[in-house]
PDB file of all heavy atoms in Angstrom:
ATOM      1  N   ARG A   1       0.154   4.495  -2.716  1.00  0.00           N
ATOM      2  CA  ARG A   1      -1.142   4.103  -2.211  1.00  0.00           C
ATOM      3  C   ARG A   1      -1.923   5.269  -1.648  1.00  0.00           C
ATOM      4  O   ARG A   1      -3.066   5.071  -1.176  1.00  0.00           O
ATOM      5  CB  ARG A   1      -0.937   3.045  -1.106  1.00  0.00           C
ATOM      6  CG  ARG A   1      -0.515   1.726  -1.669  1.00  0.00           C
ATOM      7  CD  ARG A   1      -0.110   0.744  -0.614  1.00  0.00           C
ATOM      8  NE  ARG A   1       0.202  -0.574  -1.092  1.00  0.00           N
ATOM      9  CZ  ARG A   1       1.209  -0.904  -1.846  1.00  0.00           C
ATOM     10  NH1 ARG A   1       2.035   0.019  -2.253  1.00  0.00           N
ATOM     11  NH2 ARG A   1       1.417  -2.172  -2.243  1.00  0.00           N
ATOM     12  N   GLY A   2      -1.390   6.459  -1.709  1.00  0.00           N
ATOM     13  CA  GLY A   2      -2.040   7.614  -1.140  1.00  0.00           C
ATOM     14  C   GLY A   2      -3.234   8.116  -1.908  1.00  0.00           C
ATOM     15  O   GLY A   2      -4.079   8.857  -1.365  1.00  0.00           O
ATOM     16  N   GLY A   3      -3.351   7.773  -3.173  1.00  0.00           N
ATOM     17  CA  GLY A   3      -4.495   8.195  -3.956  1.00  0.00           C
ATOM     18  C   GLY A   3      -4.383   9.609  -4.507  1.00  0.00           C
ATOM     19  O   GLY A   3      -5.332  10.106  -5.108  1.00  0.00           O
ATOM     20  N   ASP A   4      -3.241  10.272  -4.320  1.00  0.00           N
ATOM     21  CA  ASP A   4      -3.093  11.653  -4.779  1.00  0.00           C
ATOM     22  C   ASP A   4      -2.452  11.767  -6.144  1.00  0.00           C
ATOM     23  O   ASP A   4      -2.462  12.847  -6.728  1.00  0.00           O
ATOM     24  CB  ASP A   4      -2.188  12.442  -3.800  1.00  0.00           C
ATOM     25  CG  ASP A   4      -2.825  12.553  -2.422  1.00  0.00           C
ATOM     26  OD1 ASP A   4      -4.058  12.516  -2.337  1.00  0.00           O
ATOM     27  OD2 ASP A   4      -2.069  12.667  -1.427  1.00  0.00           O
ATOM     28  N   LEU A   5      -1.911  10.666  -6.689  1.00  0.00           N
ATOM     29  CA  LEU A   5      -1.204  10.690  -7.940  1.00  0.00           C
ATOM     30  C   LEU A   5      -2.140  10.367  -9.112  1.00  0.00           C
ATOM     31  O   LEU A   5      -3.033   9.543  -8.979  1.00  0.00           O
ATOM     32  CB  LEU A   5      -0.058   9.691  -7.939  1.00  0.00           C
ATOM     33  CG  LEU A   5       1.044   9.903  -6.907  1.00  0.00           C
ATOM     34  CD1 LEU A   5       1.990   8.712  -6.889  1.00  0.00           C
ATOM     35  CD2 LEU A   5       1.804  11.177  -7.221  1.00  0.00           C
ATOM     36  N   HIS A   6      -1.855  11.012 -10.224  1.00  0.00           N
ATOM     37  CA  HIS A   6      -2.536  10.624 -11.461  1.00  0.00           C
ATOM     38  C   HIS A   6      -2.142   9.196 -11.787  1.00  0.00           C
ATOM     39  O   HIS A   6      -0.991   8.792 -11.515  1.00  0.00           O
ATOM     40  CB  HIS A   6      -2.073  11.593 -12.602  1.00  0.00           C
ATOM     41  CG  HIS A   6      -2.846  11.377 -13.851  1.00  0.00           C
ATOM     42  ND1 HIS A   6      -2.518  10.370 -14.745  1.00  0.00           N
ATOM     43  CD2 HIS A   6      -3.904  12.031 -14.382  1.00  0.00           C
ATOM     44  CE1 HIS A   6      -3.338  10.405 -15.781  1.00  0.00           C
ATOM     45  NE2 HIS A   6      -4.199  11.422 -15.571  1.00  0.00           N
ATOM     46  N   PRO A   7      -3.024   8.376 -12.340  1.00  0.00           N
ATOM     47  CA  PRO A   7      -2.698   6.984 -12.634  1.00  0.00           C
ATOM     48  C   PRO A   7      -1.414   6.815 -13.470  1.00  0.00           C
ATOM     49  O   PRO A   7      -0.650   5.867 -13.258  1.00  0.00           O
ATOM     50  CB  PRO A   7      -3.894   6.464 -13.346  1.00  0.00           C
ATOM     51  CG  PRO A   7      -5.024   7.308 -12.872  1.00  0.00           C
ATOM     52  CD  PRO A   7      -4.428   8.653 -12.616  1.00  0.00           C
ATOM     53  N   ALA A   8      -1.172   7.721 -14.402  1.00  0.00           N
ATOM     54  CA  ALA A   8       0.046   7.613 -15.233  1.00  0.00           C
ATOM     55  C   ALA A   8       1.289   7.821 -14.375  1.00  0.00           C
ATOM     56  O   ALA A   8       2.282   7.106 -14.520  1.00  0.00           O
ATOM     57  CB  ALA A   8       0.006   8.634 -16.351  1.00  0.00           C
ATOM     58  N   MET A   9       1.248   8.813 -13.493  1.00  0.00           N
ATOM     59  CA  MET A   9       2.405   9.072 -12.632  1.00  0.00           C
ATOM     60  C   MET A   9       2.578   7.936 -11.629  1.00  0.00           C
ATOM     61  O   MET A   9       3.689   7.524 -11.299  1.00  0.00           O
ATOM     62  CB  MET A   9       2.245  10.418 -11.910  1.00  0.00           C
ATOM     63  CG  MET A   9       3.445  10.837 -11.125  1.00  0.00           C
ATOM     64  SD  MET A   9       4.872  11.113 -12.196  1.00  0.00           S
ATOM     65  CE  MET A   9       5.977  11.877 -11.073  1.00  0.00           C
ATOM     66  N   GLU A  10       1.479   7.406 -11.132  1.00  0.00           N
ATOM     67  CA  GLU A  10       1.520   6.296 -10.198  1.00  0.00           C
ATOM     68  C   GLU A  10       2.188   5.094 -10.844  1.00  0.00           C
ATOM     69  O   GLU A  10       3.046   4.442 -10.247  1.00  0.00           O
ATOM     70  CB  GLU A  10       0.115   5.939  -9.752  1.00  0.00           C
ATOM     71  CG  GLU A  10       0.050   4.825  -8.717  1.00  0.00           C
ATOM     72  CD  GLU A  10      -1.366   4.539  -8.305  1.00  0.00           C
ATOM     73  OE1 GLU A  10      -2.153   5.481  -8.114  1.00  0.00           O
ATOM     74  OE2 GLU A  10      -1.690   3.350  -8.136  1.00  0.00           O
ATOM     75  N   SER A  11       1.801   4.818 -12.070  1.00  0.00           N
ATOM     76  CA  SER A  11       2.401   3.692 -12.815  1.00  0.00           C
ATOM     77  C   SER A  11       3.879   3.925 -13.046  1.00  0.00           C
ATOM     78  O   SER A  11       4.682   3.021 -12.914  1.00  0.00           O
ATOM     79  CB  SER A  11       1.678   3.523 -14.147  1.00  0.00           C
ATOM     80  OG  SER A  11       2.291   2.545 -14.924  1.00  0.00           O
ATOM     81  N   HIS A  12       4.219   5.165 -13.361  1.00  0.00           N
ATOM     82  CA  HIS A  12       5.615   5.497 -13.596  1.00  0.00           C
ATOM     83  C   HIS A  12       6.440   5.304 -12.321  1.00  0.00           C
ATOM     84  O   HIS A  12       7.512   4.667 -12.369  1.00  0.00           O
ATOM     85  CB  HIS A  12       5.736   6.957 -14.061  1.00  0.00           C
ATOM     86  CG  HIS A  12       7.107   7.395 -14.360  1.00  0.00           C
ATOM     87  ND1 HIS A  12       7.683   7.256 -15.602  1.00  0.00           N
ATOM     88  CD2 HIS A  12       8.059   7.958 -13.559  1.00  0.00           C
ATOM     89  CE1 HIS A  12       8.922   7.705 -15.562  1.00  0.00           C
ATOM     90  NE2 HIS A  12       9.172   8.141 -14.346  1.00  0.00           N
ATOM     91  N   LEU A  13       5.962   5.815 -11.215  1.00  0.00           N
ATOM     92  CA  LEU A  13       6.707   5.730  -9.969  1.00  0.00           C
ATOM     93  C   LEU A  13       6.772   4.285  -9.439  1.00  0.00           C
ATOM     94  O   LEU A  13       7.740   3.943  -8.741  1.00  0.00           O
ATOM     95  CB  LEU A  13       6.103   6.646  -8.921  1.00  0.00           C
ATOM     96  CG  LEU A  13       6.302   8.121  -9.163  1.00  0.00           C
ATOM     97  CD1 LEU A  13       5.640   8.940  -8.059  1.00  0.00           C
ATOM     98  CD2 LEU A  13       7.781   8.509  -9.273  1.00  0.00           C
ATOM     99  N   ALA A  14       5.789   3.492  -9.772  1.00  0.00           N
ATOM    100  CA  ALA A  14       5.808   2.077  -9.338  1.00  0.00           C
ATOM    101  C   ALA A  14       7.039   1.343  -9.883  1.00  0.00           C
ATOM    102  O   ALA A  14       7.550   0.410  -9.240  1.00  0.00           O
ATOM    103  CB  ALA A  14       4.532   1.386  -9.745  1.00  0.00           C
ATOM    104  N   LYS A  15       7.517   1.780 -11.027  1.00  0.00           N
ATOM    105  CA  LYS A  15       8.704   1.166 -11.635  1.00  0.00           C
ATOM    106  C   LYS A  15       9.976   1.485 -10.837  1.00  0.00           C
ATOM    107  O   LYS A  15      11.009   0.841 -11.024  1.00  0.00           O
ATOM    108  CB  LYS A  15       8.823   1.616 -13.062  1.00  0.00           C
ATOM    109  CG  LYS A  15       7.693   1.086 -13.955  1.00  0.00           C
ATOM    110  CD  LYS A  15       7.764   1.702 -15.340  1.00  0.00           C
ATOM    111  CE  LYS A  15       6.679   1.159 -16.227  1.00  0.00           C
ATOM    112  NZ  LYS A  15       5.375   1.688 -15.977  1.00  0.00           N
ATOM    113  N   TYR A  16       9.910   2.465  -9.968  1.00  0.00           N
ATOM    114  CA  TYR A  16      11.114   2.834  -9.165  1.00  0.00           C
ATOM    115  C   TYR A  16      11.439   1.781  -8.150  1.00  0.00           C
ATOM    116  O   TYR A  16      12.565   1.756  -7.610  1.00  0.00           O
ATOM    117  CB  TYR A  16      10.887   4.190  -8.490  1.00  0.00           C
ATOM    118  CG  TYR A  16      11.062   5.349  -9.451  1.00  0.00           C
ATOM    119  CD1 TYR A  16      10.461   5.369 -10.689  1.00  0.00           C
ATOM    120  CD2 TYR A  16      11.817   6.458  -9.083  1.00  0.00           C
ATOM    121  CE1 TYR A  16      10.618   6.419 -11.578  1.00  0.00           C
ATOM    122  CE2 TYR A  16      11.974   7.528  -9.951  1.00  0.00           C
ATOM    123  CZ  TYR A  16      11.370   7.493 -11.174  1.00  0.00           C
ATOM    124  OH  TYR A  16      11.522   8.552 -12.040  1.00  0.00           O
ATOM    125  N   ARG A  17      10.497   0.861  -7.867  1.00  0.00           N
ATOM    126  CA  ARG A  17      10.808  -0.270  -6.964  1.00  0.00           C
ATOM    127  C   ARG A  17      12.016  -1.054  -7.494  1.00  0.00           C
ATOM    128  O   ARG A  17      12.790  -1.567  -6.711  1.00  0.00           O
ATOM    129  CB  ARG A  17       9.596  -1.189  -6.819  1.00  0.00           C
ATOM    130  CG  ARG A  17       8.425  -0.609  -6.161  1.00  0.00           C
ATOM    131  CD  ARG A  17       7.253  -1.558  -6.241  1.00  0.00           C
ATOM    132  NE  ARG A  17       6.089  -1.045  -5.545  1.00  0.00           N
ATOM    133  CZ  ARG A  17       4.875  -1.054  -6.050  1.00  0.00           C
ATOM    134  NH1 ARG A  17       4.634  -1.528  -7.269  1.00  0.00           N
ATOM    135  NH2 ARG A  17       3.855  -0.580  -5.365  1.00  0.00           N
ATOM    136  N   LYS A  18      12.063  -1.166  -8.814  1.00  0.00           N
ATOM    137  CA  LYS A  18      13.188  -1.886  -9.435  1.00  0.00           C
ATOM    138  C   LYS A  18      14.276  -0.930  -9.893  1.00  0.00           C
ATOM    139  O   LYS A  18      15.463  -1.295  -9.870  1.00  0.00           O
ATOM    140  CB  LYS A  18      12.675  -2.672 -10.634  1.00  0.00           C
ATOM    141  CG  LYS A  18      13.770  -3.432 -11.341  1.00  0.00           C
ATOM    142  CD  LYS A  18      13.298  -4.210 -12.527  1.00  0.00           C
ATOM    143  CE  LYS A  18      14.490  -4.868 -13.200  1.00  0.00           C
ATOM    144  NZ  LYS A  18      14.159  -5.441 -14.459  1.00  0.00           N
ATOM    145  N   LEU A  19      13.894   0.272 -10.295  1.00  0.00           N
ATOM    146  CA  LEU A  19      14.859   1.227 -10.848  1.00  0.00           C
ATOM    147  C   LEU A  19      15.943   1.598  -9.848  1.00  0.00           C
ATOM    148  O   LEU A  19      17.140   1.601 -10.188  1.00  0.00           O
ATOM    149  CB  LEU A  19      14.164   2.461 -11.365  1.00  0.00           C
ATOM    150  CG  LEU A  19      15.057   3.572 -11.891  1.00  0.00           C
ATOM    151  CD1 LEU A  19      15.746   3.119 -13.163  1.00  0.00           C
ATOM    152  CD2 LEU A  19      14.263   4.840 -12.132  1.00  0.00           C
ATOM    153  N   VAL A  20      15.564   1.938  -8.644  1.00  0.00           N
ATOM    154  CA  VAL A  20      16.561   2.433  -7.677  1.00  0.00           C
ATOM    155  C   VAL A  20      17.587   1.335  -7.334  1.00  0.00           C
ATOM    156  O   VAL A  20      18.803   1.621  -7.389  1.00  0.00           O
ATOM    157  CB  VAL A  20      15.867   3.005  -6.393  1.00  0.00           C
ATOM    158  CG1 VAL A  20      16.882   3.262  -5.299  1.00  0.00           C
ATOM    159  CG2 VAL A  20      15.133   4.283  -6.751  1.00  0.00           C
ATOM    160  N   PRO A  21      17.182   0.124  -7.024  1.00  0.00           N
ATOM    161  CA  PRO A  21      18.220  -0.918  -6.803  1.00  0.00           C
ATOM    162  C   PRO A  21      19.084  -1.151  -8.036  1.00  0.00           C
ATOM    163  O   PRO A  21      20.312  -1.361  -7.930  1.00  0.00           O
ATOM    164  CB  PRO A  21      17.413  -2.169  -6.437  1.00  0.00           C
ATOM    165  CG  PRO A  21      16.115  -1.646  -5.941  1.00  0.00           C
ATOM    166  CD  PRO A  21      15.852  -0.402  -6.719  1.00  0.00           C
ATOM    167  N   ALA A  22      18.496  -1.098  -9.222  1.00  0.00           N
ATOM    168  CA  ALA A  22      19.256  -1.293 -10.445  1.00  0.00           C
ATOM    169  C   ALA A  22      20.280  -0.148 -10.639  1.00  0.00           C
ATOM    170  O   ALA A  22      21.451  -0.394 -11.002  1.00  0.00           O
ATOM    171  CB  ALA A  22      18.358  -1.391 -11.648  1.00  0.00           C
ATOM    172  N   LEU A  23      19.853   1.081 -10.372  1.00  0.00           N
ATOM    173  CA  LEU A  23      20.779   2.207 -10.475  1.00  0.00           C
ATOM    174  C   LEU A  23      21.902   2.079  -9.426  1.00  0.00           C
ATOM    175  O   LEU A  23      23.063   2.420  -9.740  1.00  0.00           O
ATOM    176  CB  LEU A  23      20.023   3.528 -10.264  1.00  0.00           C
ATOM    177  CG  LEU A  23      19.186   4.008 -11.425  1.00  0.00           C
ATOM    178  CD1 LEU A  23      18.379   5.250 -10.996  1.00  0.00           C
ATOM    179  CD2 LEU A  23      20.039   4.323 -12.635  1.00  0.00           C
ATOM    180  N   ALA A  24      21.560   1.635  -8.255  1.00  0.00           N
ATOM    181  CA  ALA A  24      22.608   1.464  -7.215  1.00  0.00           C
ATOM    182  C   ALA A  24      23.641   0.433  -7.673  1.00  0.00           C
ATOM    183  O   ALA A  24      24.829   0.595  -7.471  1.00  0.00           O
ATOM    184  CB  ALA A  24      21.960   1.036  -5.891  1.00  0.00           C
ATOM    185  N   LEU A  25      23.175  -0.634  -8.305  1.00  0.00           N
ATOM    186  CA  LEU A  25      24.116  -1.654  -8.826  1.00  0.00           C
ATOM    187  C   LEU A  25      24.997  -1.079  -9.919  1.00  0.00           C
ATOM    188  O   LEU A  25      26.193  -1.291  -9.934  1.00  0.00           O
ATOM    189  CB  LEU A  25      23.328  -2.848  -9.331  1.00  0.00           C
ATOM    190  CG  LEU A  25      24.157  -3.978  -9.946  1.00  0.00           C
ATOM    191  CD1 LEU A  25      25.165  -4.530  -8.927  1.00  0.00           C
ATOM    192  CD2 LEU A  25      23.246  -5.087 -10.461  1.00  0.00           C
ATOM    193  N   VAL A  26      24.410  -0.314 -10.822  1.00  0.00           N
ATOM    194  CA  VAL A  26      25.186   0.292 -11.896  1.00  0.00           C
ATOM    195  C   VAL A  26      26.228   1.244 -11.313  1.00  0.00           C
ATOM    196  O   VAL A  26      27.385   1.280 -11.755  1.00  0.00           O
ATOM    197  CB  VAL A  26      24.272   1.036 -12.897  1.00  0.00           C
ATOM    198  CG1 VAL A  26      25.066   1.899 -13.877  1.00  0.00           C
ATOM    199  CG2 VAL A  26      23.415   0.027 -13.670  1.00  0.00           C
ATOM    200  N   CYS A  27      25.850   2.040 -10.332  1.00  0.00           N
ATOM    201  CA  CYS A  27      26.806   2.944  -9.680  1.00  0.00           C
ATOM    202  C   CYS A  27      27.946   2.193  -9.047  1.00  0.00           C
ATOM    203  O   CYS A  27      29.114   2.582  -9.176  1.00  0.00           O
ATOM    204  CB  CYS A  27      26.085   3.817  -8.655  1.00  0.00           C
ATOM    205  SG  CYS A  27      24.955   5.036  -9.310  1.00  0.00           S
ATOM    206  N   ALA A  28      27.627   1.093  -8.368  1.00  0.00           N
ATOM    207  CA  ALA A  28      28.673   0.277  -7.725  1.00  0.00           C
ATOM    208  C   ALA A  28      29.605  -0.329  -8.780  1.00  0.00           C
ATOM    209  O   ALA A  28      30.840  -0.309  -8.612  1.00  0.00           O
ATOM    210  CB  ALA A  28      28.038  -0.800  -6.878  1.00  0.00           C
ATOM    211  N   LEU A  29      29.024  -0.849  -9.844  1.00  0.00           N
ATOM    212  CA  LEU A  29      29.880  -1.437 -10.876  1.00  0.00           C
ATOM    213  C   LEU A  29      30.751  -0.399 -11.577  1.00  0.00           C
ATOM    214  O   LEU A  29      31.904  -0.666 -11.875  1.00  0.00           O
ATOM    215  CB  LEU A  29      28.968  -2.134 -11.915  1.00  0.00           C
ATOM    216  CG  LEU A  29      28.266  -3.395 -11.454  1.00  0.00           C
ATOM    217  CD1 LEU A  29      27.255  -3.880 -12.514  1.00  0.00           C
ATOM    218  CD2 LEU A  29      29.277  -4.475 -11.125  1.00  0.00           C
ATOM    219  N   ALA A  30      30.192   0.788 -11.771  1.00  0.00           N
ATOM    220  CA  ALA A  30      30.957   1.861 -12.411  1.00  0.00           C
ATOM    221  C   ALA A  30      32.142   2.280 -11.543  1.00  0.00           C
ATOM    222  O   ALA A  30      33.197   2.695 -12.067  1.00  0.00           O
ATOM    223  CB  ALA A  30      30.056   3.063 -12.693  1.00  0.00           C
ATOM    224  N   ASP A  31      31.991   2.163 -10.227  1.00  0.00           N
ATOM    225  CA  ASP A  31      33.066   2.525  -9.322  1.00  0.00           C
ATOM    226  C   ASP A  31      34.002   1.358  -9.035  1.00  0.00           C
ATOM    227  O   ASP A  31      34.947   1.502  -8.257  1.00  0.00           O
ATOM    228  CB  ASP A  31      32.477   3.020  -7.972  1.00  0.00           C
ATOM    229  CG  ASP A  31      31.825   4.364  -8.116  1.00  0.00           C
ATOM    230  OD1 ASP A  31      32.095   5.084  -9.104  1.00  0.00           O
ATOM    231  OD2 ASP A  31      31.022   4.736  -7.239  1.00  0.00           O
ATOM    232  N   GLY A  32      33.741   0.189  -9.618  1.00  0.00           N
ATOM    233  CA  GLY A  32      34.564  -0.969  -9.390  1.00  0.00           C
ATOM    234  C   GLY A  32      34.389  -1.583  -8.004  1.00  0.00           C
ATOM    235  O   GLY A  32      35.275  -2.297  -7.541  1.00  0.00           O
ATOM    236  N   GLU A  33      33.256  -1.315  -7.380  1.00  0.00           N
ATOM    237  CA  GLU A  33      32.997  -1.849  -6.057  1.00  0.00           C
ATOM    238  C   GLU A  33      32.546  -3.319  -6.148  1.00  0.00           C
ATOM    239  O   GLU A  33      31.820  -3.678  -7.078  1.00  0.00           O
ATOM    240  CB  GLU A  33      31.910  -1.050  -5.347  1.00  0.00           C
ATOM    241  CG  GLU A  33      32.256   0.404  -5.152  1.00  0.00           C
ATOM    242  CD  GLU A  33      33.372   0.606  -4.140  1.00  0.00           C
ATOM    243  OE1 GLU A  33      33.505  -0.196  -3.227  1.00  0.00           O
ATOM    244  OE2 GLU A  33      34.105   1.603  -4.280  1.00  0.00           O
ATOM    245  N   PRO A  34      32.907  -4.163  -5.197  1.00  0.00           N
ATOM    246  CA  PRO A  34      32.483  -5.564  -5.251  1.00  0.00           C
ATOM    247  C   PRO A  34      31.021  -5.783  -4.856  1.00  0.00           C
ATOM    248  O   PRO A  34      30.465  -6.826  -5.125  1.00  0.00           O
ATOM    249  CB  PRO A  34      33.437  -6.255  -4.260  1.00  0.00           C
ATOM    250  CG  PRO A  34      33.814  -5.176  -3.283  1.00  0.00           C
ATOM    251  CD  PRO A  34      33.831  -3.903  -4.088  1.00  0.00           C
ATOM    252  N   GLU A  35      30.442  -4.808  -4.193  1.00  0.00           N
ATOM    253  CA  GLU A  35      29.047  -4.891  -3.808  1.00  0.00           C
ATOM    254  C   GLU A  35      28.433  -3.494  -3.728  1.00  0.00           C
ATOM    255  O   GLU A  35      29.136  -2.504  -3.710  1.00  0.00           O
ATOM    256  CB  GLU A  35      28.882  -5.610  -2.455  1.00  0.00           C
ATOM    257  CG  GLU A  35      29.588  -4.900  -1.303  1.00  0.00           C
ATOM    258  CD  GLU A  35      29.563  -5.689  -0.024  1.00  0.00           C
ATOM    259  OE1 GLU A  35      29.575  -6.929  -0.074  1.00  0.00           O
ATOM    260  OE2 GLU A  35      29.512  -5.065   1.040  1.00  0.00           O
ATOM    261  N   VAL A  36      27.118  -3.462  -3.679  1.00  0.00           N
ATOM    262  CA  VAL A  36      26.426  -2.172  -3.554  1.00  0.00           C
ATOM    263  C   VAL A  36      26.586  -1.659  -2.142  1.00  0.00           C
ATOM    264  O   VAL A  36      26.187  -2.333  -1.192  1.00  0.00           O
ATOM    265  CB  VAL A  36      24.940  -2.314  -3.930  1.00  0.00           C
ATOM    266  CG1 VAL A  36      24.200  -1.017  -3.708  1.00  0.00           C
ATOM    267  CG2 VAL A  36      24.768  -2.788  -5.381  1.00  0.00           C
ATOM    268  N   GLY A  37      27.142  -0.476  -2.019  1.00  0.00           N
ATOM    269  CA  GLY A  37      27.328   0.120  -0.714  1.00  0.00           C
ATOM    270  C   GLY A  37      26.468   1.346  -0.519  1.00  0.00           C
ATOM    271  O   GLY A  37      25.656   1.701  -1.361  1.00  0.00           O
ATOM    272  N   HIS A  38      26.634   1.966   0.607  1.00  0.00           N
ATOM    273  CA  HIS A  38      25.858   3.151   0.979  1.00  0.00           C
ATOM    274  C   HIS A  38      26.019   4.272  -0.066  1.00  0.00           C
ATOM    275  O   HIS A  38      25.003   4.891  -0.452  1.00  0.00           O
ATOM    276  CB  HIS A  38      26.306   3.613   2.379  1.00  0.00           C
ATOM    277  CG  HIS A  38      25.479   4.774   2.870  1.00  0.00           C
ATOM    278  ND1 HIS A  38      25.904   6.060   2.769  1.00  0.00           N
ATOM    279  CD2 HIS A  38      24.278   4.812   3.478  1.00  0.00           C
ATOM    280  CE1 HIS A  38      24.994   6.851   3.296  1.00  0.00           C
ATOM    281  NE2 HIS A  38      23.982   6.125   3.729  1.00  0.00           N
ATOM    282  N   ASP A  39      27.221   4.540  -0.495  1.00  0.00           N
ATOM    283  CA  ASP A  39      27.443   5.629  -1.455  1.00  0.00           C
ATOM    284  C   ASP A  39      26.718   5.378  -2.782  1.00  0.00           C
ATOM    285  O   ASP A  39      26.131   6.278  -3.364  1.00  0.00           O
ATOM    286  CB  ASP A  39      28.948   5.816  -1.745  1.00  0.00           C
ATOM    287  CG  ASP A  39      29.694   6.372  -0.545  1.00  0.00           C
ATOM    288  OD1 ASP A  39      29.032   6.925   0.375  1.00  0.00           O
ATOM    289  OD2 ASP A  39      30.946   6.235  -0.512  1.00  0.00           O
ATOM    290  N   SER A  40      26.745   4.119  -3.225  1.00  0.00           N
ATOM    291  CA  SER A  40      26.034   3.789  -4.474  1.00  0.00           C
ATOM    292  C   SER A  40      24.533   3.991  -4.332  1.00  0.00           C
ATOM    293  O   SER A  40      23.849   4.448  -5.230  1.00  0.00           O
ATOM    294  CB  SER A  40      26.327   2.337  -4.866  1.00  0.00           C
ATOM    295  OG  SER A  40      27.691   2.169  -5.108  1.00  0.00           O
ATOM    296  N   LEU A  41      24.038   3.595  -3.180  1.00  0.00           N
ATOM    297  CA  LEU A  41      22.608   3.749  -2.926  1.00  0.00           C
ATOM    298  C   LEU A  41      22.205   5.220  -2.856  1.00  0.00           C
ATOM    299  O   LEU A  41      21.169   5.621  -3.419  1.00  0.00           O
ATOM    300  CB  LEU A  41      22.219   3.041  -1.630  1.00  0.00           C
ATOM    301  CG  LEU A  41      20.749   3.206  -1.204  1.00  0.00           C
ATOM    302  CD1 LEU A  41      19.820   2.641  -2.270  1.00  0.00           C
ATOM    303  CD2 LEU A  41      20.520   2.504   0.113  1.00  0.00           C
ATOM    304  N   ILE A  42      23.006   6.022  -2.230  1.00  0.00           N
ATOM    305  CA  ILE A  42      22.721   7.466  -2.124  1.00  0.00           C
ATOM    306  C   ILE A  42      22.714   8.092  -3.527  1.00  0.00           C
ATOM    307  O   ILE A  42      21.837   8.896  -3.837  1.00  0.00           O
ATOM    308  CB  ILE A  42      23.760   8.170  -1.223  1.00  0.00           C
ATOM    309  CG1 ILE A  42      23.623   7.678   0.229  1.00  0.00           C
ATOM    310  CG2 ILE A  42      23.613   9.693  -1.282  1.00  0.00           C
ATOM    311  CD1 ILE A  42      22.278   7.898   0.837  1.00  0.00           C
TER     312      ILE A  42
END
């Protein structure tokens, strides 16, 4: 919302709202964890 990003980059980064939680889940599953923990999120 800062207005400093090119619209293409802004659109790209907006997808990270879903990407980061999805990556955290993949990391947790890859480690055999029953839930997403701090390490997976990091």
